[in-house]
């Protein structure tokens, strides 16, 4: 058995570090959602689909540019359930967002 290269050791170390930073494991899953939020006096909605889900939230592609810390209601149309969440991460193109559920419930995703 040959020793691991420095590059492999560094990659393994970084992977371990990222895994420990996550509060909950993620599951790759495509769940269609609708987001609702208030923007001034107007109520806005946008369609979304998850990339992955976890006990505490999800990463989703959203059909609107949501700012960080925006409070939203998430509607799961297949079950009719609603949850409240906050935008905690946003990609530079603003379509990919990380949503953290206010009251985590793994059954919300319906998977």
PDB file of N, CA and C in Angstrom:
ATOM      1  N   UNK A   1       0.842  -1.176   0.000  1.00  0.00           N
ATOM      2  CA  UNK A   1       0.000   0.000   0.000  1.00  0.00           C
ATOM      3  C   UNK A   1       0.890   1.243   0.000  1.00  0.00           C
ATOM      4  N   UNK A   2       0.679   2.133  -0.927  1.00  0.00           N
ATOM      5  CA  UNK A   2       1.513   3.322  -1.022  1.00  0.00           C
ATOM      6  C   UNK A   2       0.945   4.440  -0.149  1.00  0.00           C
ATOM      7  N   UNK A   3       1.812   5.298   0.382  1.00  0.00           N
ATOM      8  CA  UNK A   3       1.343   6.413   1.211  1.00  0.00           C
ATOM      9  C   UNK A   3       0.558   7.418   0.363  1.00  0.00           C
ATOM     10  N   UNK A   4      -0.359   8.108   1.007  1.00  0.00           N
ATOM     11  CA  UNK A   4      -1.165   9.114   0.306  1.00  0.00           C
ATOM     12  C   UNK A   4      -0.312  10.321  -0.045  1.00  0.00           C
ATOM     13  N   UNK A   5      -0.623  10.913  -1.184  1.00  0.00           N
ATOM     14  CA  UNK A   5       0.093  12.117  -1.588  1.00  0.00           C
ATOM     15  C   UNK A   5      -0.365  13.296  -0.735  1.00  0.00           C
ATOM     16  N   UNK A   6       0.427  14.342  -0.717  1.00  0.00           N
ATOM     17  CA  UNK A   6       0.087  15.547   0.032  1.00  0.00           C
ATOM     18  C   UNK A   6      -1.230  16.136  -0.477  1.00  0.00           C
ATOM     19  N   UNK A   7      -1.408  16.119  -1.784  1.00  0.00           N
ATOM     20  CA  UNK A   7      -2.627  16.651  -2.387  1.00  0.00           C
ATOM     21  C   UNK A   7      -3.857  15.870  -1.914  1.00  0.00           C
ATOM     22  N   UNK A   8      -3.755  14.550  -1.847  1.00  0.00           N
ATOM     23  CA  UNK A   8      -4.861  13.711  -1.388  1.00  0.00           C
ATOM     24  C   UNK A   8      -5.154  13.962   0.086  1.00  0.00           C
ATOM     25  N   UNK A   9      -4.110  14.105   0.894  1.00  0.00           N
ATOM     26  CA  UNK A   9      -4.299  14.388   2.314  1.00  0.00           C
ATOM     27  C   UNK A   9      -5.003  15.719   2.531  1.00  0.00           C
ATOM     28  N   UNK A  10      -4.624  16.739   1.770  1.00  0.00           N
ATOM     29  CA  UNK A  10      -5.256  18.055   1.887  1.00  0.00           C
ATOM     30  C   UNK A  10      -6.715  17.970   1.467  1.00  0.00           C
ATOM     31  N   UNK A  11      -7.006  17.301   0.360  1.00  0.00           N
ATOM     32  CA  UNK A  11      -8.388  17.154  -0.116  1.00  0.00           C
ATOM     33  C   UNK A  11      -9.236  16.419   0.915  1.00  0.00           C
ATOM     34  N   UNK A  12      -8.705  15.348   1.495  1.00  0.00           N
ATOM     35  CA  UNK A  12      -9.433  14.594   2.526  1.00  0.00           C
ATOM     36  C   UNK A  12      -9.702  15.469   3.747  1.00  0.00           C
ATOM     37  N   UNK A  13      -8.714  16.261   4.148  1.00  0.00           N
ATOM     38  CA  UNK A  13      -8.858  17.148   5.301  1.00  0.00           C
ATOM     39  C   UNK A  13      -9.945  18.197   5.068  1.00  0.00           C
ATOM     40  N   UNK A  14      -9.931  18.807   3.884  1.00  0.00           N
ATOM     41  CA  UNK A  14     -10.956  19.809   3.560  1.00  0.00           C
ATOM     42  C   UNK A  14     -12.349  19.192   3.530  1.00  0.00           C
ATOM     43  N   UNK A  15     -12.475  18.009   2.972  1.00  0.00           N
ATOM     44  CA  UNK A  15     -13.761  17.321   2.906  1.00  0.00           C
ATOM     45  C   UNK A  15     -14.282  17.036   4.317  1.00  0.00           C
ATOM     46  N   UNK A  16     -13.401  16.578   5.199  1.00  0.00           N
ATOM     47  CA  UNK A  16     -13.788  16.318   6.590  1.00  0.00           C
ATOM     48  C   UNK A  16     -14.237  17.603   7.279  1.00  0.00           C
ATOM     49  N   UNK A  17     -13.513  18.699   7.034  1.00  0.00           N
ATOM     50  CA  UNK A  17     -13.861  19.979   7.642  1.00  0.00           C
ATOM     51  C   UNK A  17     -15.238  20.461   7.222  1.00  0.00           C
ATOM     52  N   UNK A  18     -15.524  20.399   5.921  1.00  0.00           N
ATOM     53  CA  UNK A  18     -16.838  20.826   5.409  1.00  0.00           C
ATOM     54  C   UNK A  18     -17.952  19.964   5.983  1.00  0.00           C
ATOM     55  N   UNK A  19     -17.723  18.657   6.091  1.00  0.00           N
ATOM     56  CA  UNK A  19     -18.735  17.752   6.633  1.00  0.00           C
ATOM     57  C   UNK A  19     -19.058  18.119   8.087  1.00  0.00           C
ATOM     58  N   UNK A  20     -18.054  18.518   8.858  1.00  0.00           N
ATOM     59  CA  UNK A  20     -18.267  18.879  10.259  1.00  0.00           C
ATOM     60  C   UNK A  20     -18.958  20.234  10.406  1.00  0.00           C
ATOM     61  N   UNK A  21     -18.831  21.121   9.420  1.00  0.00           N
ATOM     62  CA  UNK A  21     -19.478  22.433   9.491  1.00  0.00           C
ATOM     63  C   UNK A  21     -20.983  22.349   9.302  1.00  0.00           C
ATOM     64  N   UNK A  22     -21.473  21.368   8.582  1.00  0.00           N
ATOM     65  CA  UNK A  22     -22.899  21.210   8.335  1.00  0.00           C
ATOM     66  C   UNK A  22     -23.594  20.777   9.627  1.00  0.00           C
ATOM     67  N   UNK A  23     -24.711  21.398   9.940  1.00  0.00           N
ATOM     68  CA  UNK A  23     -25.434  21.025  11.148  1.00  0.00           C
ATOM     69  C   UNK A  23     -26.239  19.745  10.952  1.00  0.00           C
ATOM     70  N   UNK A  24     -26.656  19.473   9.718  1.00  0.00           N
ATOM     71  CA  UNK A  24     -27.423  18.267   9.420  1.00  0.00           C
ATOM     72  C   UNK A  24     -27.025  17.738   8.045  1.00  0.00           C
ATOM     73  N   UNK A  25     -27.140  16.422   7.884  1.00  0.00           N
ATOM     74  CA  UNK A  25     -26.833  15.821   6.597  1.00  0.00           C
ATOM     75  C   UNK A  25     -27.850  16.286   5.566  1.00  0.00           C
ATOM     76  N   UNK A  26     -27.394  16.386   4.334  1.00  0.00           N
ATOM     77  CA  UNK A  26     -28.263  16.795   3.232  1.00  0.00           C
ATOM     78  C   UNK A  26     -28.627  15.596   2.370  1.00  0.00           C
ATOM     79  N   UNK A  27     -29.826  15.664   1.807  1.00  0.00           N
ATOM     80  CA  UNK A  27     -30.293  14.637   0.888  1.00  0.00           C
ATOM     81  C   UNK A  27     -30.597  15.332  -0.433  1.00  0.00           C
ATOM     82  N   UNK A  28     -30.014  14.830  -1.506  1.00  0.00           N
ATOM     83  CA  UNK A  28     -30.316  15.403  -2.818  1.00  0.00           C
ATOM     84  C   UNK A  28     -31.743  15.024  -3.155  1.00  0.00           C
ATOM     85  N   UNK A  29     -32.575  16.028  -3.347  1.00  0.00           N
ATOM     86  CA  UNK A  29     -33.986  15.781  -3.609  1.00  0.00           C
ATOM     87  C   UNK A  29     -34.593  16.972  -4.329  1.00  0.00           C
ATOM     88  N   UNK A  30     -35.451  16.687  -5.264  1.00  0.00           N
ATOM     89  CA  UNK A  30     -36.125  17.724  -6.042  1.00  0.00           C
ATOM     90  C   UNK A  30     -37.565  17.848  -5.570  1.00  0.00           C
ATOM     91  N   UNK A  31     -37.836  18.893  -4.805  1.00  0.00           N
ATOM     92  CA  UNK A  31     -39.178  19.148  -4.293  1.00  0.00           C
ATOM     93  C   UNK A  31     -39.631  20.495  -4.838  1.00  0.00           C
ATOM     94  N   UNK A  32     -40.761  20.512  -5.527  1.00  0.00           N
ATOM     95  CA  UNK A  32     -41.297  21.781  -6.037  1.00  0.00           C
ATOM     96  C   UNK A  32     -41.954  22.530  -4.886  1.00  0.00           C
ATOM     97  N   UNK A  33     -41.678  23.832  -4.823  1.00  0.00           N
ATOM     98  CA  UNK A  33     -42.190  24.687  -3.754  1.00  0.00           C
ATOM     99  C   UNK A  33     -42.722  25.992  -4.329  1.00  0.00           C
ATOM    100  N   UNK A  34     -43.462  26.695  -3.503  1.00  0.00           N
ATOM    101  CA  UNK A  34     -43.820  28.072  -3.822  1.00  0.00           C
ATOM    102  C   UNK A  34     -43.403  28.907  -2.615  1.00  0.00           C
ATOM    103  N   UNK A  35     -42.740  30.027  -2.870  1.00  0.00           N
ATOM    104  CA  UNK A  35     -42.320  30.930  -1.801  1.00  0.00           C
ATOM    105  C   UNK A  35     -43.216  32.155  -1.813  1.00  0.00           C
ATOM    106  N   UNK A  36     -43.537  32.641  -0.636  1.00  0.00           N
ATOM    107  CA  UNK A  36     -44.339  33.852  -0.483  1.00  0.00           C
ATOM    108  C   UNK A  36     -43.617  34.773   0.491  1.00  0.00           C
ATOM    109  N   UNK A  37     -43.641  36.072   0.211  1.00  0.00           N
ATOM    110  CA  UNK A  37     -43.025  37.044   1.106  1.00  0.00           C
ATOM    111  C   UNK A  37     -43.619  38.409   0.824  1.00  0.00           C
ATOM    112  N   UNK A  38     -43.383  39.321   1.741  1.00  0.00           N
ATOM    113  CA  UNK A  38     -43.869  40.690   1.580  1.00  0.00           C
ATOM    114  C   UNK A  38     -42.709  41.588   1.207  1.00  0.00           C
ATOM    115  N   UNK A  39     -42.981  42.435   0.245  1.00  0.00           N
ATOM    116  CA  UNK A  39     -41.997  43.409  -0.216  1.00  0.00           C
ATOM    117  C   UNK A  39     -42.695  44.761  -0.149  1.00  0.00           C
ATOM    118  N   UNK A  40     -42.469  45.462   0.964  1.00  0.00           N
ATOM    119  CA  UNK A  40     -43.230  46.683   1.202  1.00  0.00           C
ATOM    120  C   UNK A  40     -44.686  46.292   1.418  1.00  0.00           C
ATOM    121  N   UNK A  41     -45.613  47.008   0.791  1.00  0.00           N
ATOM    122  CA  UNK A  41     -47.027  46.656   0.956  1.00  0.00           C
ATOM    123  C   UNK A  41     -47.476  45.497   0.051  1.00  0.00           C
ATOM    124  N   UNK A  42     -46.632  45.098  -0.886  1.00  0.00           N
ATOM    125  CA  UNK A  42     -47.020  44.066  -1.854  1.00  0.00           C
ATOM    126  C   UNK A  42     -46.636  42.666  -1.380  1.00  0.00           C
ATOM    127  N   UNK A  43     -47.506  41.711  -1.682  1.00  0.00           N
ATOM    128  CA  UNK A  43     -47.208  40.309  -1.412  1.00  0.00           C
ATOM    129  C   UNK A  43     -46.655  39.706  -2.690  1.00  0.00           C
ATOM    130  N   UNK A  44     -45.496  39.043  -2.585  1.00  0.00           N
ATOM    131  CA  UNK A  44     -44.835  38.447  -3.759  1.00  0.00           C
ATOM    132  C   UNK A  44     -44.825  36.932  -3.630  1.00  0.00           C
ATOM    133  N   UNK A  45     -44.784  36.272  -4.779  1.00  0.00           N
ATOM    134  CA  UNK A  45     -44.651  34.818  -4.812  1.00  0.00           C
ATOM    135  C   UNK A  45     -43.667  34.432  -5.909  1.00  0.00           C
ATOM    136  N   UNK A  46     -43.068  33.274  -5.752  1.00  0.00           N
ATOM    137  CA  UNK A  46     -42.162  32.747  -6.776  1.00  0.00           C
ATOM    138  C   UNK A  46     -42.139  31.224  -6.672  1.00  0.00           C
ATOM    139  N   UNK A  47     -41.989  30.582  -7.802  1.00  0.00           N
ATOM    140  CA  UNK A  47     -41.817  29.133  -7.824  1.00  0.00           C
ATOM    141  C   UNK A  47     -40.369  28.809  -7.500  1.00  0.00           C
ATOM    142  N   UNK A  48     -40.178  27.638  -6.906  1.00  0.00           N
ATOM    143  CA  UNK A  48     -38.830  27.191  -6.542  1.00  0.00           C
ATOM    144  C   UNK A  48     -38.781  25.675  -6.619  1.00  0.00           C
ATOM    145  N   UNK A  49     -37.569  25.150  -6.691  1.00  0.00           N
ATOM    146  CA  UNK A  49     -37.353  23.704  -6.623  1.00  0.00           C
ATOM    147  C   UNK A  49     -36.080  23.472  -5.823  1.00  0.00           C
ATOM    148  N   UNK A  50     -36.136  22.495  -4.926  1.00  0.00           N
ATOM    149  CA  UNK A  50     -34.974  22.234  -4.089  1.00  0.00           C
ATOM    150  C   UNK A  50     -33.894  21.494  -4.873  1.00  0.00           C
ATOM    151  N   UNK A  51     -32.666  21.728  -4.473  1.00  0.00           N
ATOM    152  CA  UNK A  51     -31.514  20.985  -4.972  1.00  0.00           C
ATOM    153  C   UNK A  51     -31.197  19.892  -3.955  1.00  0.00           C
ATOM    154  N   UNK A  52     -31.217  20.285  -2.682  1.00  0.00           N
ATOM    155  CA  UNK A  52     -31.069  19.323  -1.594  1.00  0.00           C
ATOM    156  C   UNK A  52     -31.841  19.816  -0.387  1.00  0.00           C
ATOM    157  N   UNK A  53     -32.167  18.892   0.500  1.00  0.00           N
ATOM    158  CA  UNK A  53     -32.916  19.227   1.709  1.00  0.00           C
ATOM    159  C   UNK A  53     -32.218  18.625   2.919  1.00  0.00           C
ATOM    160  N   UNK A  54     -32.476  19.220   4.071  1.00  0.00           N
ATOM    161  CA  UNK A  54     -31.970  18.687   5.328  1.00  0.00           C
ATOM    162  C   UNK A  54     -33.029  18.932   6.387  1.00  0.00           C
ATOM    163  N   UNK A  55     -32.751  18.458   7.581  1.00  0.00           N
ATOM    164  CA  UNK A  55     -33.649  18.658   8.709  1.00  0.00           C
ATOM    165  C   UNK A  55     -33.941  20.144   8.921  1.00  0.00           C
ATOM    166  N   UNK A  56     -32.932  20.992   8.728  1.00  0.00           N
ATOM    167  CA  UNK A  56     -33.066  22.402   9.083  1.00  0.00           C
ATOM    168  C   UNK A  56     -33.348  23.344   7.919  1.00  0.00           C
ATOM    169  N   UNK A  57     -33.359  22.841   6.671  1.00  0.00           N
ATOM    170  CA  UNK A  57     -33.620  23.739   5.551  1.00  0.00           C
ATOM    171  C   UNK A  57     -33.332  23.097   4.217  1.00  0.00           C
ATOM    172  N   UNK A  58     -32.984  23.958   3.248  1.00  0.00           N
ATOM    173  CA  UNK A  58     -32.727  23.442   1.906  1.00  0.00           C
ATOM    174  C   UNK A  58     -31.900  24.435   1.106  1.00  0.00           C
ATOM    175  N   UNK A  59     -31.378  23.940  -0.002  1.00  0.00           N
ATOM    176  CA  UNK A  59     -30.834  24.811  -1.033  1.00  0.00           C
ATOM    177  C   UNK A  59     -31.821  24.693  -2.178  1.00  0.00           C
ATOM    178  N   UNK A  60     -32.199  25.812  -2.756  1.00  0.00           N
ATOM    179  CA  UNK A  60     -33.213  25.805  -3.800  1.00  0.00           C
ATOM    180  C   UNK A  60     -32.875  26.790  -4.898  1.00  0.00           C
ATOM    181  N   UNK A  61     -33.422  26.524  -6.067  1.00  0.00           N
ATOM    182  CA  UNK A  61     -33.362  27.459  -7.186  1.00  0.00           C
ATOM    183  C   UNK A  61     -34.713  28.167  -7.185  1.00  0.00           C
ATOM    184  N   UNK A  62     -34.670  29.498  -7.073  1.00  0.00           N
ATOM    185  CA  UNK A  62     -35.883  30.301  -6.921  1.00  0.00           C
ATOM    186  C   UNK A  62     -36.035  31.240  -8.108  1.00  0.00           C
ATOM    187  N   UNK A  63     -37.254  31.391  -8.574  1.00  0.00           N
ATOM    188  CA  UNK A  63     -37.537  32.261  -9.714  1.00  0.00           C
ATOM    189  C   UNK A  63     -37.659  33.722  -9.346  1.00  0.00           C
ATOM    190  N   UNK A  64     -36.877  34.197  -8.395  1.00  0.00           N
ATOM    191  CA  UNK A  64     -36.862  35.606  -8.002  1.00  0.00           C
ATOM    192  C   UNK A  64     -35.557  35.873  -7.261  1.00  0.00           C
ATOM    193  N   UNK A  65     -35.128  37.104  -7.279  1.00  0.00           N
ATOM    194  CA  UNK A  65     -33.904  37.495  -6.579  1.00  0.00           C
ATOM    195  C   UNK A  65     -34.257  37.874  -5.145  1.00  0.00           C
ATOM    196  N   UNK A  66     -34.011  36.965  -4.224  1.00  0.00           N
ATOM    197  CA  UNK A  66     -34.308  37.216  -2.817  1.00  0.00           C
ATOM    198  C   UNK A  66     -33.063  37.707  -2.092  1.00  0.00           C
ATOM    199  N   UNK A  67     -33.186  38.768  -1.305  1.00  0.00           N
ATOM    200  CA  UNK A  67     -32.022  39.257  -0.561  1.00  0.00           C
ATOM    201  C   UNK A  67     -31.746  38.387   0.668  1.00  0.00           C
ATOM    202  N   UNK A  68     -30.514  38.438   1.163  1.00  0.00           N
ATOM    203  CA  UNK A  68     -30.170  37.747   2.402  1.00  0.00           C
ATOM    204  C   UNK A  68     -31.072  38.218   3.531  1.00  0.00           C
ATOM    205  N   UNK A  69     -31.382  37.299   4.414  1.00  0.00           N
ATOM    206  CA  UNK A  69     -32.207  37.538   5.602  1.00  0.00           C
ATOM    207  C   UNK A  69     -33.679  37.809   5.283  1.00  0.00           C
ATOM    208  N   UNK A  70     -34.076  37.656   4.038  1.00  0.00           N
ATOM    209  CA  UNK A  70     -35.492  37.821   3.682  1.00  0.00           C
ATOM    210  C   UNK A  70     -36.309  36.716   4.370  1.00  0.00           C
ATOM    211  N   UNK A  71     -37.376  37.084   5.029  1.00  0.00           N
ATOM    212  CA  UNK A  71     -38.289  36.119   5.646  1.00  0.00           C
ATOM    213  C   UNK A  71     -39.259  35.653   4.571  1.00  0.00           C
ATOM    214  N   UNK A  72     -39.499  34.359   4.491  1.00  0.00           N
ATOM    215  CA  UNK A  72     -40.404  33.799   3.486  1.00  0.00           C
ATOM    216  C   UNK A  72     -41.284  32.721   4.111  1.00  0.00           C
ATOM    217  N   UNK A  73     -42.428  32.486   3.473  1.00  0.00           N
ATOM    218  CA  UNK A  73     -43.251  31.317   3.762  1.00  0.00           C
ATOM    219  C   UNK A  73     -42.998  30.343   2.632  1.00  0.00           C
ATOM    220  N   UNK A  74     -42.778  29.090   2.977  1.00  0.00           N
ATOM    221  CA  UNK A  74     -42.566  28.047   1.980  1.00  0.00           C
ATOM    222  C   UNK A  74     -43.824  27.200   1.942  1.00  0.00           C
ATOM    223  N   UNK A  75     -44.378  27.040   0.741  1.00  0.00           N
ATOM    224  CA  UNK A  75     -45.561  26.198   0.577  1.00  0.00           C
ATOM    225  C   UNK A  75     -45.136  24.965  -0.212  1.00  0.00           C
ATOM    226  N   UNK A  76     -45.431  23.792   0.349  1.00  0.00           N
ATOM    227  CA  UNK A  76     -45.182  22.533  -0.347  1.00  0.00           C
ATOM    228  C   UNK A  76     -46.510  22.138  -1.005  1.00  0.00           C
ATOM    229  N   UNK A  77     -46.673  22.409  -2.311  1.00  0.00           N
ATOM    230  CA  UNK A  77     -47.963  22.177  -2.963  1.00  0.00           C
ATOM    231  C   UNK A  77     -48.433  20.723  -2.945  1.00  0.00           C
ATOM    232  N   UNK A  78     -47.507  19.770  -2.908  1.00  0.00           N
ATOM    233  CA  UNK A  78     -47.928  18.369  -2.921  1.00  0.00           C
ATOM    234  C   UNK A  78     -48.610  17.964  -1.611  1.00  0.00           C
ATOM    235  N   UNK A  79     -48.237  18.608  -0.498  1.00  0.00           N
ATOM    236  CA  UNK A  79     -48.856  18.281   0.790  1.00  0.00           C
ATOM    237  C   UNK A  79     -49.753  19.401   1.316  1.00  0.00           C
ATOM    238  N   UNK A  80     -49.584  20.616   0.763  1.00  0.00           N
ATOM    239  CA  UNK A  80     -50.340  21.764   1.259  1.00  0.00           C
ATOM    240  C   UNK A  80     -49.761  22.356   2.535  1.00  0.00           C
ATOM    241  N   UNK A  81     -48.641  21.816   3.014  1.00  0.00           N
ATOM    242  CA  UNK A  81     -48.040  22.309   4.249  1.00  0.00           C
ATOM    243  C   UNK A  81     -47.265  23.600   4.018  1.00  0.00           C
ATOM    244  N   UNK A  82     -47.205  24.431   5.069  1.00  0.00           N
ATOM    245  CA  UNK A  82     -46.456  25.686   5.029  1.00  0.00           C
ATOM    246  C   UNK A  82     -45.429  25.694   6.148  1.00  0.00           C
ATOM    247  N   UNK A  83     -44.329  26.399   5.897  1.00  0.00           N
ATOM    248  CA  UNK A  83     -43.289  26.601   6.906  1.00  0.00           C
ATOM    249  C   UNK A  83     -42.715  27.992   6.688  1.00  0.00           C
ATOM    250  N   UNK A  84     -42.187  28.570   7.740  1.00  0.00           N
ATOM    251  CA  UNK A  84     -41.522  29.865   7.614  1.00  0.00           C
ATOM    252  C   UNK A  84     -40.013  29.639   7.629  1.00  0.00           C
ATOM    253  N   UNK A  85     -39.312  30.492   6.911  1.00  0.00           N
ATOM    254  CA  UNK A  85     -37.864  30.342   6.781  1.00  0.00           C
ATOM    255  C   UNK A  85     -37.220  31.692   6.522  1.00  0.00           C
ATOM    256  N   UNK A  86     -35.899  31.665   6.502  1.00  0.00           N
ATOM    257  CA  UNK A  86     -35.115  32.862   6.216  1.00  0.00           C
ATOM    258  C   UNK A  86     -34.039  32.508   5.200  1.00  0.00           C
ATOM    259  N   UNK A  87     -33.761  33.441   4.290  1.00  0.00           N
ATOM    260  CA  UNK A  87     -32.678  33.264   3.321  1.00  0.00           C
ATOM    261  C   UNK A  87     -31.368  33.463   4.078  1.00  0.00           C
ATOM    262  N   UNK A  88     -30.550  32.401   4.127  1.00  0.00           N
ATOM    263  CA  UNK A  88     -29.283  32.471   4.865  1.00  0.00           C
ATOM    264  C   UNK A  88     -28.066  32.400   3.948  1.00  0.00           C
ATOM    265  N   UNK A  89     -28.285  32.118   2.687  1.00  0.00           N
ATOM    266  CA  UNK A  89     -27.195  32.062   1.706  1.00  0.00           C
ATOM    267  C   UNK A  89     -27.773  32.399   0.347  1.00  0.00           C
ATOM    268  N   UNK A  90     -26.972  33.085  -0.462  1.00  0.00           N
ATOM    269  CA  UNK A  90     -27.407  33.434  -1.808  1.00  0.00           C
ATOM    270  C   UNK A  90     -26.207  33.381  -2.736  1.00  0.00           C
ATOM    271  N   UNK A  91     -26.387  32.705  -3.870  1.00  0.00           N
ATOM    272  CA  UNK A  91     -25.327  32.633  -4.866  1.00  0.00           C
ATOM    273  C   UNK A  91     -25.174  34.008  -5.510  1.00  0.00           C
ATOM    274  N   UNK A  92     -24.061  34.262  -6.134  1.00  0.00           N
ATOM    275  CA  UNK A  92     -23.816  35.567  -6.744  1.00  0.00           C
ATOM    276  C   UNK A  92     -24.809  35.891  -7.857  1.00  0.00           C
ATOM    277  N   UNK A  93     -25.438  34.879  -8.451  1.00  0.00           N
ATOM    278  CA  UNK A  93     -26.435  35.137  -9.497  1.00  0.00           C
ATOM    279  C   UNK A  93     -27.838  35.279  -8.922  1.00  0.00           C
ATOM    280  N   UNK A  94     -27.986  35.055  -7.618  1.00  0.00           N
ATOM    281  CA  UNK A  94     -29.227  35.274  -6.873  1.00  0.00           C
ATOM    282  C   UNK A  94     -30.333  34.271  -7.132  1.00  0.00           C
ATOM    283  N   UNK A  95     -30.145  33.289  -7.982  1.00  0.00           N
ATOM    284  CA  UNK A  95     -31.212  32.298  -8.212  1.00  0.00           C
ATOM    285  C   UNK A  95     -31.105  31.140  -7.230  1.00  0.00           C
ATOM    286  N   UNK A  96     -29.882  30.808  -6.808  1.00  0.00           N
ATOM    287  CA  UNK A  96     -29.682  29.744  -5.834  1.00  0.00           C
ATOM    288  C   UNK A  96     -29.667  30.355  -4.442  1.00  0.00           C
ATOM    289  N   UNK A  97     -30.507  29.812  -3.565  1.00  0.00           N
ATOM    290  CA  UNK A  97     -30.572  30.337  -2.198  1.00  0.00           C
ATOM    291  C   UNK A  97     -30.553  29.192  -1.192  1.00  0.00           C
ATOM    292  N   UNK A  98     -30.054  29.499  -0.017  1.00  0.00           N
ATOM    293  CA  UNK A  98     -30.131  28.587   1.114  1.00  0.00           C
ATOM    294  C   UNK A  98     -31.211  29.091   2.034  1.00  0.00           C
ATOM    295  N   UNK A  99     -32.145  28.220   2.393  1.00  0.00           N
ATOM    296  CA  UNK A  99     -33.253  28.593   3.276  1.00  0.00           C
ATOM    297  C   UNK A  99     -33.153  27.804   4.573  1.00  0.00           C
ATOM    298  N   UNK A 100     -33.247  28.504   5.694  1.00  0.00           N
ATOM    299  CA  UNK A 100     -33.220  27.859   7.001  1.00  0.00           C
ATOM    300  C   UNK A 100     -34.615  27.934   7.605  1.00  0.00           C
ATOM    301  N   UNK A 101     -35.182  26.776   7.935  1.00  0.00           N
ATOM    302  CA  UNK A 101     -36.517  26.719   8.523  1.00  0.00           C
ATOM    303  C   UNK A 101     -36.500  27.290   9.937  1.00  0.00           C
ATOM    304  N   UNK A 102     -37.543  28.053  10.282  1.00  0.00           N
ATOM    305  CA  UNK A 102     -37.651  28.591  11.646  1.00  0.00           C
ATOM    306  C   UNK A 102     -37.879  27.462  12.652  1.00  0.00           C
ATOM    307  N   UNK A 103     -38.731  26.515  12.286  1.00  0.00           N
ATOM    308  CA  UNK A 103     -39.025  25.358  13.139  1.00  0.00           C
ATOM    309  C   UNK A 103     -38.755  24.104  12.313  1.00  0.00           C
ATOM    310  N   UNK A 104     -37.531  23.585  12.384  1.00  0.00           N
ATOM    311  CA  UNK A 104     -37.171  22.433  11.561  1.00  0.00           C
ATOM    312  C   UNK A 104     -38.121  21.248  11.740  1.00  0.00           C
ATOM    313  N   UNK A 105     -38.489  20.646  10.613  1.00  0.00           N
ATOM    314  CA  UNK A 105     -39.366  19.496  10.594  1.00  0.00           C
ATOM    315  C   UNK A 105     -39.031  18.665   9.376  1.00  0.00           C
ATOM    316  N   UNK A 106     -38.332  17.535   9.551  1.00  0.00           N
ATOM    317  CA  UNK A 106     -37.909  16.752   8.391  1.00  0.00           C
ATOM    318  C   UNK A 106     -39.074  16.209   7.574  1.00  0.00           C
ATOM    319  N   UNK A 107     -40.255  16.082   8.143  1.00  0.00           N
ATOM    320  CA  UNK A 107     -41.396  15.562   7.387  1.00  0.00           C
ATOM    321  C   UNK A 107     -41.986  16.608   6.437  1.00  0.00           C
ATOM    322  N   UNK A 108     -41.590  17.881   6.598  1.00  0.00           N
ATOM    323  CA  UNK A 108     -42.119  18.937   5.727  1.00  0.00           C
ATOM    324  C   UNK A 108     -41.837  18.667   4.247  1.00  0.00           C
ATOM    325  N   UNK A 109     -40.676  18.096   3.947  1.00  0.00           N
ATOM    326  CA  UNK A 109     -40.266  17.899   2.559  1.00  0.00           C
ATOM    327  C   UNK A 109     -41.035  16.781   1.869  1.00  0.00           C
ATOM    328  N   UNK A 110     -41.648  15.898   2.612  1.00  0.00           N
ATOM    329  CA  UNK A 110     -42.440  14.828   2.013  1.00  0.00           C
ATOM    330  C   UNK A 110     -41.622  13.765   1.306  1.00  0.00           C
ATOM    331  N   UNK A 111     -40.403  13.538   1.756  1.00  0.00           N
ATOM    332  CA  UNK A 111     -39.565  12.508   1.119  1.00  0.00           C
ATOM    333  C   UNK A 111     -39.303  11.372   2.086  1.00  0.00           C
TER     334      UNK A 111
END
